[in-house]
Amino acid sequence: MSTQAAAASLRFREVPEAHLGRALDHASLVFHENYEDELRERHRRTLLRCDRLGAYEEGRLVGLLAAHRLRLSVPGGQLPCAGLTFISVAPTHRRRGVLSGLLEQLWRHCAATGRPLAALWASEAAIYGRHGFGAATALSTVEIDSRRPLGLRVAPDPRPLRLVDPASAPALLAPLHESGRARRAGRPARDRRWWREQILPEEDEDDDELGPPRVVVLGDDAPAGYAVYRTRGGDDDGTPGLVQVAELEADTAPVAAALWSYLASIDLTGRVRAWGRPADDPLLLMAADRDQVRVTGQFPALWLRLADVRAALTARSWAAPADLVLDVRDTRIAANHGRFRLAVAPGHCTYEATAGPADLTLDVCDLAACYLGGTLPTDLVRAGLAAEHTAGAAGALDAALRTAYLPFTDDEF
């Protein structure tokens, strides 16, 4: 069967609740996982809360895409975002247009529901780059050698630390998390279910040797910072015990210093690992000895798609005025493709089609990488990924897009 004929045999439509069992069986097959009992029920609850699109052939589900209904922080506010998950194509139907068809359905759904953004955590980045997704946030894995006291150049906040019950933690931590979202773009809003199931589940899905979640806060009635972590004891071979940090929020550098000092002083442990920290985490500057605090890995985190470029650009805040014609290449969504004049003034932004000459040419995936402030247009030009037709155009867009903090995403979905 030709690729064209194979694609013609597919039907794309919403996956009804009655087909959730089929959807879970399909995902289990594609991801080589055994969804049993509690895990299967948890995934079923997740799919129930998502928008679900399926590719069917003769009534059989051969492709699946689910989307969380997120609100993602962007510079100056937040926007509706389709948080993609469970994207999967049956092994019998690879390279037959299943993923492309699902995403085409998704773009129509985003337009109909007013979601200018889509995002995902990409396991196969090359695939999603072709569909207009750009790496918009980056994370660093940081490790602390805590076999000796943590040396910091900032005095820790002296207020008391206390452990709180994870069951009651969301109400206490949510205001601090919201403050963090306002500072850094790229972070989804959370409800109580998200806190319970994504941030504070009783067991760590990736490491069953880690203990239950612990929550430490600094301050009394209105905490100034918190950390969520788990621990694992040392091994007989001398491997030190581990403190695995899931999240740390702090209003100030002294608050952060107090929380990191606490985490590095927990008895019977000799290593602190934070798998996902912002690339500009102040801890890296606060450390008195960078051999004790090391970045052991860096990786792209949130892959962002501007489903509606105009709506996305005009909804965010800007750091400086700009007046540029952008030639945006988008082979997947026709409304985004072409030349547009971006005019930014204090408190106002317009983005309209124009026949005028372009100042800067770039792909929609690269515009997405720049959108939250994590990538500079000048870096794209240097890398040969964008073309500057007017001297200084990329620098002007740099200045307009700039944010006080790098974007950050540590919520996986």
Protein backbone atom coordinates (compact mmCIF):
# COMPACT_ATOMS: atom_id res chain seq x y z
CA MET A 1 0.00 0.00 0.00
CA SER A 2 1.38 3.43 -0.90
CA THR A 3 1.89 6.07 1.79
CA GLN A 4 -0.86 8.17 0.21
CA ALA A 5 -3.29 5.24 0.18
CA ALA A 6 -2.35 4.33 3.74
CA ALA A 7 -3.08 7.86 4.92
CA ALA A 8 -6.41 7.84 3.11
CA SER A 9 -7.49 4.77 5.07
CA LEU A 10 -7.09 6.62 8.39
CA ARG A 11 -9.86 8.41 10.23
CA PHE A 12 -9.07 11.01 12.90
CA ARG A 13 -11.58 11.78 15.61
CA GLU A 14 -12.09 12.26 19.33
CA VAL A 15 -11.43 9.22 21.50
CA PRO A 16 -14.60 8.66 23.57
CA GLU A 17 -14.55 7.60 27.20
CA ALA A 18 -15.77 4.16 26.11
CA HIS A 19 -12.46 3.67 24.25
CA LEU A 20 -10.14 4.49 27.18
CA GLY A 21 -9.35 0.81 27.67
CA ARG A 22 -8.26 0.60 24.04
CA ALA A 23 -6.21 3.77 24.47
CA LEU A 24 -4.35 2.36 27.47
CA ASP A 25 -3.70 -0.95 25.71
CA HIS A 26 -2.38 0.99 22.71
CA ALA A 27 -0.07 3.17 24.87
CA SER A 28 1.18 0.11 26.77
CA LEU A 29 2.13 -1.53 23.47
CA VAL A 30 3.93 1.52 22.07
CA PHE A 31 5.80 2.49 25.27
CA HIS A 32 6.70 -1.12 26.19
CA GLU A 33 5.12 -0.78 29.62
CA ASN A 34 2.80 -2.96 31.62
CA TYR A 35 -0.06 -0.82 32.90
CA GLU A 36 -1.54 -2.80 35.77
CA ASP A 37 -3.89 -2.03 38.63
CA GLU A 38 -3.05 1.30 40.29
CA LEU A 39 -0.87 2.64 37.46
CA ARG A 40 -3.49 1.79 34.85
CA GLU A 41 -6.18 3.49 36.90
CA ARG A 42 -3.98 6.58 37.37
CA HIS A 43 -3.36 6.81 33.63
CA ARG A 44 -7.08 6.33 33.00
CA ARG A 45 -7.88 9.28 35.31
CA THR A 46 -5.30 11.37 33.47
CA LEU A 47 -6.81 10.58 30.08
CA LEU A 48 -10.30 11.35 31.38
CA ARG A 49 -9.17 14.90 32.16
CA CYS A 50 -7.44 15.39 28.81
CA ASP A 51 -8.66 16.19 25.34
CA ARG A 52 -8.12 12.98 23.33
CA LEU A 53 -7.57 12.54 19.61
CA GLY A 54 -7.27 9.18 17.92
CA ALA A 55 -6.28 7.78 14.54
CA TYR A 56 -8.52 4.87 13.55
CA GLU A 57 -8.26 2.35 10.76
CA GLU A 58 -11.28 0.13 10.19
CA GLY A 59 -12.40 0.91 13.73
CA ARG A 60 -9.03 0.01 15.31
CA LEU A 61 -7.12 2.64 17.31
CA VAL A 62 -3.68 2.98 15.70
CA GLY A 63 -2.63 6.41 17.00
CA LEU A 64 -3.28 8.46 20.12
CA LEU A 65 -2.68 12.04 21.26
CA ALA A 66 -3.90 13.47 24.56
CA ALA A 67 -3.66 17.09 25.71
CA HIS A 68 -3.79 18.49 29.23
CA ARG A 69 -5.72 21.76 29.44
CA LEU A 70 -2.89 23.84 30.87
CA ARG A 71 -2.36 27.48 31.64
CA LEU A 72 1.30 28.20 30.98
CA SER A 73 3.13 31.21 32.43
CA VAL A 74 4.49 33.53 29.73
CA PRO A 75 6.25 36.89 30.17
CA GLY A 76 3.70 39.18 31.76
CA GLY A 77 0.93 36.62 32.32
CA GLN A 78 -0.30 33.19 31.31
CA LEU A 79 -1.95 31.58 28.27
CA PRO A 80 -4.03 28.48 27.55
CA CYS A 81 -1.77 25.69 26.36
CA ALA A 82 -2.33 22.14 25.10
CA GLY A 83 0.06 20.00 27.15
CA LEU A 84 0.64 16.97 24.93
CA THR A 85 1.03 13.51 26.39
CA PHE A 86 0.47 9.85 25.43
CA ILE A 87 1.52 10.63 21.84
CA SER A 88 1.87 7.18 20.31
CA VAL A 89 1.66 5.41 16.96
CA ALA A 90 1.18 1.65 16.63
CA PRO A 91 4.36 -0.10 15.40
CA THR A 92 2.39 -1.39 12.41
CA HIS A 93 1.53 2.14 11.31
CA ARG A 94 4.79 4.08 11.51
CA ARG A 95 5.59 6.43 8.61
CA ARG A 96 2.02 6.40 7.38
CA GLY A 97 1.04 9.94 8.35
CA VAL A 98 -0.53 9.07 11.70
CA LEU A 99 1.39 11.64 13.77
CA SER A 100 1.00 14.34 11.12
CA GLY A 101 -2.74 13.69 10.96
CA LEU A 102 -3.13 13.81 14.74
CA LEU A 103 -1.25 17.11 14.95
CA GLU A 104 -3.31 18.61 12.11
CA GLN A 105 -6.41 17.73 14.12
CA LEU A 106 -4.82 19.27 17.19
CA TRP A 107 -4.11 22.59 15.45
CA ARG A 108 -7.76 22.81 14.45
CA HIS A 109 -8.78 21.97 18.00
CA CYS A 110 -6.44 24.64 19.42
CA ALA A 111 -7.93 27.24 17.07
CA ALA A 112 -11.47 26.28 18.04
CA THR A 113 -10.75 26.35 21.80
CA GLY A 114 -8.52 29.45 21.89
CA ARG A 115 -5.22 27.81 22.77
CA PRO A 116 -2.36 29.64 21.07
CA LEU A 117 0.29 27.36 22.60
CA ALA A 118 1.05 23.65 22.62
CA ALA A 119 3.88 22.04 24.54
CA LEU A 120 5.43 18.67 25.30
CA TRP A 121 8.43 16.87 26.74
CA ALA A 122 10.05 15.34 23.67
CA SER A 123 11.61 11.90 23.74
CA GLU A 124 12.41 12.19 20.02
CA ALA A 125 13.25 15.84 19.52
CA ALA A 126 14.01 15.61 15.81
CA ILE A 127 10.44 14.50 15.10
CA TYR A 128 8.80 17.41 16.88
CA GLY A 129 11.16 20.03 15.45
CA ARG A 130 9.78 19.15 12.03
CA HIS A 131 6.31 19.92 13.33
CA GLY A 132 7.23 23.40 14.58
CA PHE A 133 8.18 22.71 18.21
CA GLY A 134 11.25 24.49 19.60
CA ALA A 135 13.18 23.87 22.81
CA ALA A 136 11.91 26.80 24.89
CA THR A 137 13.28 25.95 28.35
CA ALA A 138 16.40 24.19 29.57
CA LEU A 139 17.18 22.39 32.82
CA SER A 140 20.38 21.59 34.66
CA THR A 141 20.97 18.62 36.94
CA VAL A 142 22.91 19.82 39.98
CA GLU A 143 24.69 17.65 42.54
CA ILE A 144 26.12 18.65 45.92
CA ASP A 145 28.81 16.64 47.71
CA SER A 146 27.32 16.79 51.19
CA ARG A 147 29.91 14.63 52.93
CA ARG A 148 31.21 17.95 54.25
CA PRO A 149 29.29 21.09 55.24
CA LEU A 150 27.96 23.06 52.29
CA GLY A 151 30.01 26.20 51.76
CA LEU A 152 27.97 29.19 50.60
CA ARG A 153 28.91 32.82 50.07
CA VAL A 154 25.46 33.95 51.27
CA ALA A 155 24.40 33.72 54.93
CA PRO A 156 21.30 31.52 55.30
CA ASP A 157 18.05 33.10 56.43
CA PRO A 158 17.91 32.47 60.22
CA ARG A 159 14.17 31.82 60.43
CA PRO A 160 13.15 28.32 61.56
CA LEU A 161 12.65 25.39 59.21
CA ARG A 162 9.84 22.90 59.71
CA LEU A 163 8.59 19.74 58.07
CA VAL A 164 4.95 19.73 56.99
CA ASP A 165 2.55 16.93 56.12
CA PRO A 166 2.57 16.39 52.33
CA ALA A 167 -1.22 15.94 52.42
CA SER A 168 -1.72 19.51 53.63
CA ALA A 169 1.27 20.99 51.80
CA PRO A 170 -0.44 22.15 48.56
CA ALA A 171 -2.49 24.86 50.24
CA LEU A 172 0.64 26.13 52.00
CA LEU A 173 2.98 25.92 49.01
CA ALA A 174 0.67 27.10 46.22
CA PRO A 175 1.17 30.88 46.82
CA LEU A 176 4.95 30.45 46.64
CA HIS A 177 4.66 28.39 43.49
CA GLU A 178 2.45 31.07 41.93
CA SER A 179 5.07 33.70 42.78
CA GLY A 180 7.66 31.54 41.05
CA ARG A 181 5.41 31.24 37.98
CA ALA A 182 5.12 35.02 37.83
CA ARG A 183 8.93 35.34 37.87
CA ARG A 184 9.70 32.63 35.34
CA ALA A 185 7.84 31.79 32.16
CA GLY A 186 7.21 28.20 31.11
CA ARG A 187 5.48 26.89 34.24
CA PRO A 188 1.99 25.31 34.22
CA ALA A 189 -0.59 26.28 36.83
CA ARG A 190 -1.40 23.55 39.34
CA ASP A 191 -4.61 22.43 40.99
CA ARG A 192 -4.79 20.20 44.07
CA ARG A 193 -4.92 17.05 41.95
CA TRP A 194 -1.75 18.06 40.08
CA TRP A 195 0.03 18.67 43.39
CA ARG A 196 -1.09 15.32 44.74
CA GLU A 197 -0.49 13.14 41.70
CA GLN A 198 2.38 14.86 39.88
CA ILE A 199 4.39 16.57 42.64
CA LEU A 200 3.65 14.66 45.84
CA PRO A 201 2.74 11.05 44.94
CA GLU A 202 3.43 8.55 47.71
CA GLU A 203 5.91 6.64 45.53
CA ASP A 204 8.44 7.85 42.98
CA GLU A 205 7.51 6.28 39.65
CA ASP A 206 11.12 6.31 38.39
CA ASP A 207 12.93 5.02 41.51
CA ASP A 208 11.13 2.72 43.94
CA GLU A 209 14.11 2.85 46.34
CA LEU A 210 13.41 6.48 47.20
CA GLY A 211 11.34 7.14 50.28
CA PRO A 212 8.06 9.06 50.53
CA PRO A 213 7.93 12.78 49.73
CA ARG A 214 9.12 15.20 52.39
CA VAL A 215 8.27 18.89 52.47
CA VAL A 216 10.32 21.45 54.39
CA VAL A 217 9.35 25.12 54.63
CA LEU A 218 11.12 28.17 55.98
CA GLY A 219 9.11 30.60 58.06
CA ASP A 220 5.92 30.41 60.07
CA ASP A 221 2.45 31.43 58.87
CA ALA A 222 3.52 32.63 55.40
CA PRO A 223 6.57 30.59 54.35
CA ALA A 224 9.27 32.33 52.34
CA GLY A 225 10.48 29.13 50.72
CA TYR A 226 10.09 25.37 50.52
CA ALA A 227 11.71 22.21 49.21
CA VAL A 228 10.14 18.91 48.19
CA TYR A 229 12.52 15.96 48.41
CA ARG A 230 12.94 12.22 48.96
CA THR A 231 15.79 10.24 50.47
CA ARG A 232 17.52 6.93 49.93
CA GLY A 233 19.95 5.26 52.31
CA GLY A 234 23.53 4.38 51.43
CA ASP A 235 24.65 1.03 49.99
CA ASP A 236 26.97 -1.55 51.50
CA ASP A 237 29.58 -0.72 48.86
CA GLY A 238 30.06 2.71 50.40
CA THR A 239 27.77 4.66 48.06
CA PRO A 240 26.48 7.54 50.21
CA GLY A 241 22.81 8.10 50.94
CA LEU A 242 20.98 10.41 48.55
CA VAL A 243 18.70 13.43 48.94
CA GLN A 244 16.69 13.73 45.72
CA VAL A 245 15.28 17.26 45.36
CA ALA A 246 12.10 17.49 43.30
CA GLU A 247 11.48 21.21 43.77
CA LEU A 248 12.86 24.21 45.64
CA GLU A 249 11.26 27.66 45.68
CA ALA A 250 12.71 30.65 47.54
CA ASP A 251 11.78 34.32 47.70
CA THR A 252 15.38 35.47 48.28
CA ALA A 253 18.96 34.20 48.09
CA PRO A 254 19.24 33.83 51.91
CA VAL A 255 16.07 31.71 51.92
CA ALA A 256 17.51 29.51 49.18
CA ALA A 257 20.77 29.26 51.14
CA ALA A 258 18.88 28.07 54.21
CA LEU A 259 17.01 25.38 52.26
CA TRP A 260 20.09 24.09 50.42
CA SER A 261 22.07 24.04 53.69
CA TYR A 262 19.32 21.97 55.30
CA LEU A 263 19.18 19.50 52.42
CA ALA A 264 22.97 19.08 52.48
CA SER A 265 23.01 18.39 56.25
CA ILE A 266 20.51 15.50 56.46
CA ASP A 267 22.07 12.66 58.46
CA LEU A 268 23.19 9.43 56.77
CA THR A 269 23.36 11.03 53.34
CA GLY A 270 26.36 12.25 51.37
CA ARG A 271 24.90 13.54 48.13
CA VAL A 272 22.14 15.96 47.12
CA ARG A 273 20.82 15.72 43.57
CA ALA A 274 18.37 18.13 41.98
CA TRP A 275 17.48 16.69 38.57
CA GLY A 276 15.95 19.84 37.10
CA ARG A 277 17.06 23.34 38.07
CA PRO A 278 16.98 26.59 36.06
CA ALA A 279 20.08 27.24 33.98
CA ASP A 280 20.56 30.48 35.96
CA ASP A 281 19.95 28.94 39.40
CA PRO A 282 21.52 31.32 41.99
CA LEU A 283 22.95 28.29 43.84
CA LEU A 284 25.69 28.07 41.21
CA LEU A 285 26.86 31.59 42.10
CA MET A 286 26.33 31.18 45.85
CA ALA A 287 28.55 28.10 46.11
CA ALA A 288 31.90 28.85 47.76
CA ASP A 289 33.42 25.78 46.10
CA ARG A 290 32.19 24.82 42.65
CA ASP A 291 33.85 21.43 43.03
CA GLN A 292 31.28 20.77 45.78
CA VAL A 293 28.30 22.03 43.73
CA ARG A 294 28.48 20.71 40.17
CA VAL A 295 26.29 20.76 37.11
CA THR A 296 26.25 17.13 35.97
CA GLY A 297 23.89 17.48 33.03
CA GLN A 298 21.97 19.97 30.91
CA PHE A 299 19.03 19.21 28.64
CA PRO A 300 16.12 20.85 26.84
CA ALA A 301 12.91 20.53 28.83
CA LEU A 302 9.71 22.09 27.46
CA TRP A 303 9.23 21.98 23.70
CA LEU A 304 6.87 24.75 22.68
CA ARG A 305 4.71 25.21 19.59
CA LEU A 306 3.15 28.55 18.65
CA ALA A 307 -0.16 27.30 17.31
CA ASP A 308 -1.27 30.91 16.80
CA VAL A 309 1.77 33.16 16.44
CA ARG A 310 -0.22 36.41 16.44
CA ALA A 311 -2.16 35.56 19.59
CA ALA A 312 0.97 34.37 21.37
CA LEU A 313 3.11 37.40 20.53
CA THR A 314 0.46 40.01 21.28
CA ALA A 315 -0.39 38.42 24.64
CA ARG A 316 3.09 38.47 26.21
CA SER A 317 4.88 41.47 27.71
CA TRP A 318 7.95 43.01 26.10
CA ALA A 319 11.12 44.49 27.56
CA ALA A 320 11.85 47.09 24.87
CA PRO A 321 10.18 48.70 21.84
CA ALA A 322 10.62 47.08 18.44
CA ASP A 323 9.41 47.58 14.89
CA LEU A 324 10.42 44.68 12.68
CA VAL A 325 9.15 42.67 9.74
CA LEU A 326 9.50 38.97 10.45
CA ASP A 327 9.40 36.41 7.66
CA VAL A 328 8.13 33.33 9.51
CA ARG A 329 8.33 29.91 7.89
CA ASP A 330 5.61 27.48 8.98
CA THR A 331 4.87 24.57 6.67
CA ARG A 332 2.22 23.10 9.00
CA ILE A 333 -0.08 26.01 9.92
CA ALA A 334 -0.76 28.30 6.96
CA ALA A 335 -2.01 31.26 9.03
CA ASN A 336 1.41 31.56 10.69
CA HIS A 337 3.39 31.51 7.44
CA GLY A 338 4.52 34.71 5.74
CA ARG A 339 5.73 38.21 6.49
CA PHE A 340 4.37 40.09 9.48
CA ARG A 341 5.16 43.46 11.00
CA LEU A 342 5.81 43.20 14.73
CA ALA A 343 5.32 46.60 16.36
CA VAL A 344 6.00 46.79 20.09
CA ALA A 345 5.44 49.94 22.14
CA PRO A 346 5.02 50.33 25.91
CA GLY A 347 1.90 48.40 26.87
CA HIS A 348 0.98 47.60 23.27
CA CYS A 349 1.90 45.06 20.59
CA THR A 350 0.56 44.43 17.09
CA TYR A 351 1.44 41.72 14.60
CA GLU A 352 -0.03 42.13 11.13
CA ALA A 353 0.62 40.71 7.66
CA THR A 354 2.67 42.93 5.40
CA ALA A 355 4.18 42.96 1.90
CA GLY A 356 7.18 44.94 3.13
CA PRO A 357 10.75 43.60 3.01
CA ALA A 358 11.75 41.30 5.85
CA ASP A 359 14.20 42.37 8.55
CA LEU A 360 14.60 38.83 9.88
CA THR A 361 13.71 35.38 8.53
CA LEU A 362 13.27 32.45 10.90
CA ASP A 363 11.42 29.18 11.28
CA VAL A 364 8.39 28.97 13.55
CA CYS A 365 10.17 26.40 15.73
CA ASP A 366 12.98 28.89 16.37
CA LEU A 367 10.51 31.67 17.11
CA ALA A 368 8.97 29.30 19.68
CA ALA A 369 12.40 28.73 21.23
CA CYS A 370 12.77 32.51 21.64
CA TYR A 371 9.21 33.18 22.79
CA LEU A 372 9.68 32.64 26.55
CA GLY A 373 13.08 34.35 26.62
CA GLY A 374 15.26 31.23 26.67
CA THR A 375 16.95 31.66 23.26
CA LEU A 376 18.33 34.85 21.70
CA PRO A 377 17.61 35.64 18.04
CA THR A 378 21.23 36.77 17.65
CA ASP A 379 22.34 33.26 18.63
CA LEU A 380 20.06 31.84 15.93
CA VAL A 381 21.68 34.14 13.37
CA ARG A 382 25.17 33.09 14.46
CA ALA A 383 24.14 29.43 14.18
CA GLY A 384 22.82 29.95 10.66
CA LEU A 385 19.25 29.17 11.72
CA ALA A 386 17.89 32.68 11.09
CA ALA A 387 18.78 35.26 8.46
CA GLU A 388 19.21 38.93 9.37
CA HIS A 389 18.39 41.16 6.39
CA THR A 390 18.59 44.47 8.27
CA ALA A 391 21.63 45.11 10.45
CA GLY A 392 20.70 45.13 14.12
CA ALA A 393 17.29 43.47 13.64
CA ALA A 394 18.17 40.37 15.66
CA GLY A 395 19.64 42.50 18.46
CA ALA A 396 16.48 44.61 18.58
CA LEU A 397 14.38 41.46 18.92
CA ASP A 398 16.79 40.21 21.62
CA ALA A 399 16.15 43.34 23.65
CA ALA A 400 12.38 43.16 23.21
CA LEU A 401 12.15 39.49 24.20
CA ARG A 402 14.51 39.72 27.18
CA THR A 403 13.25 38.51 30.57
CA ALA A 404 14.70 39.08 34.05
CA TYR A 405 14.90 35.30 34.64
CA LEU A 406 15.40 32.47 32.21
CA PRO A 407 12.24 30.41 31.57
CA PHE A 408 11.93 27.23 33.59
CA THR A 409 9.77 24.12 33.44
CA ASP A 410 10.01 21.33 36.00
CA ASP A 411 6.48 19.92 35.70
CA GLU A 412 6.61 16.83 33.49
CA PHE A 413 3.42 15.71 31.78
